Structure formats: structure tokens, C-alpha cells
Amino acid sequence: MMPEIIAGKGKVSIVERRLTRMEQFEGKVEVIPIPETLFPPGPLTFTIGVMKYAKDRALADDYVNYICSDEAQAIFEKAGFIPASSDKGRTLIEKLGVKDA
């Protein structure tokens, strides 16, 4: 969607803010933030888990462990996400009530 907007094929779009911060898009579009008061109630997060009926539980667990690793968190941060392992990420986990029991 962002390439089409930048190419002039559209005038406006609502996208995740992180997209506007990606290297290939940053500075190429005007960003008008949506006030947080208009957001739906939290949690507004991405979560990960393993279904109890996963066909390959070991592989699924390995994937979750990788996603939670420092290496993967750095990749997410580069893509504009707030890493769950960062101070801000931990604060949001507490604030939005998505902390593991």
C-alpha cells in the first residue's frame, strides 16, 4: 500500500505508524498522527503462543524462542516495532495487561 501512495496512486491511507518509519518510506509521506484518545481500548499488541494441538510442538517452541530472542527483537525494532524486551516494551506489557500469568 505504501508504494502505491508514494507513487501517487492514492491520496490518503491509514497505516501502522511503523511503516512510515521504514527506510524505504521515511520522509516520503506526510504523517498525520491519530490521537491516542481515538484508539480502541488496549491491548493493541502482537502476541505469540503455541496452540495445544500444534503438529510439531518442538518446532513451534523453537520458533517462539527465536521470536523472543535478542536477534529477532532487533529485527522487529528495525522494522519499526517496539521490542518486548526493551524498557518501553516491558512498560507497555504491564500497562496493557498482556503479561504472562
Foldseek 3Di string as FASTA:
>chain_A
DQVCVLVVVDPDDDDPVLQCVQPVRPPSDDDDDDDPVPDDADDPDDDDDDDPVDPDVVVSVVVVVVCLDPVNLVVVVNSRDHRCPDPVNVVSCVVRVVDDD
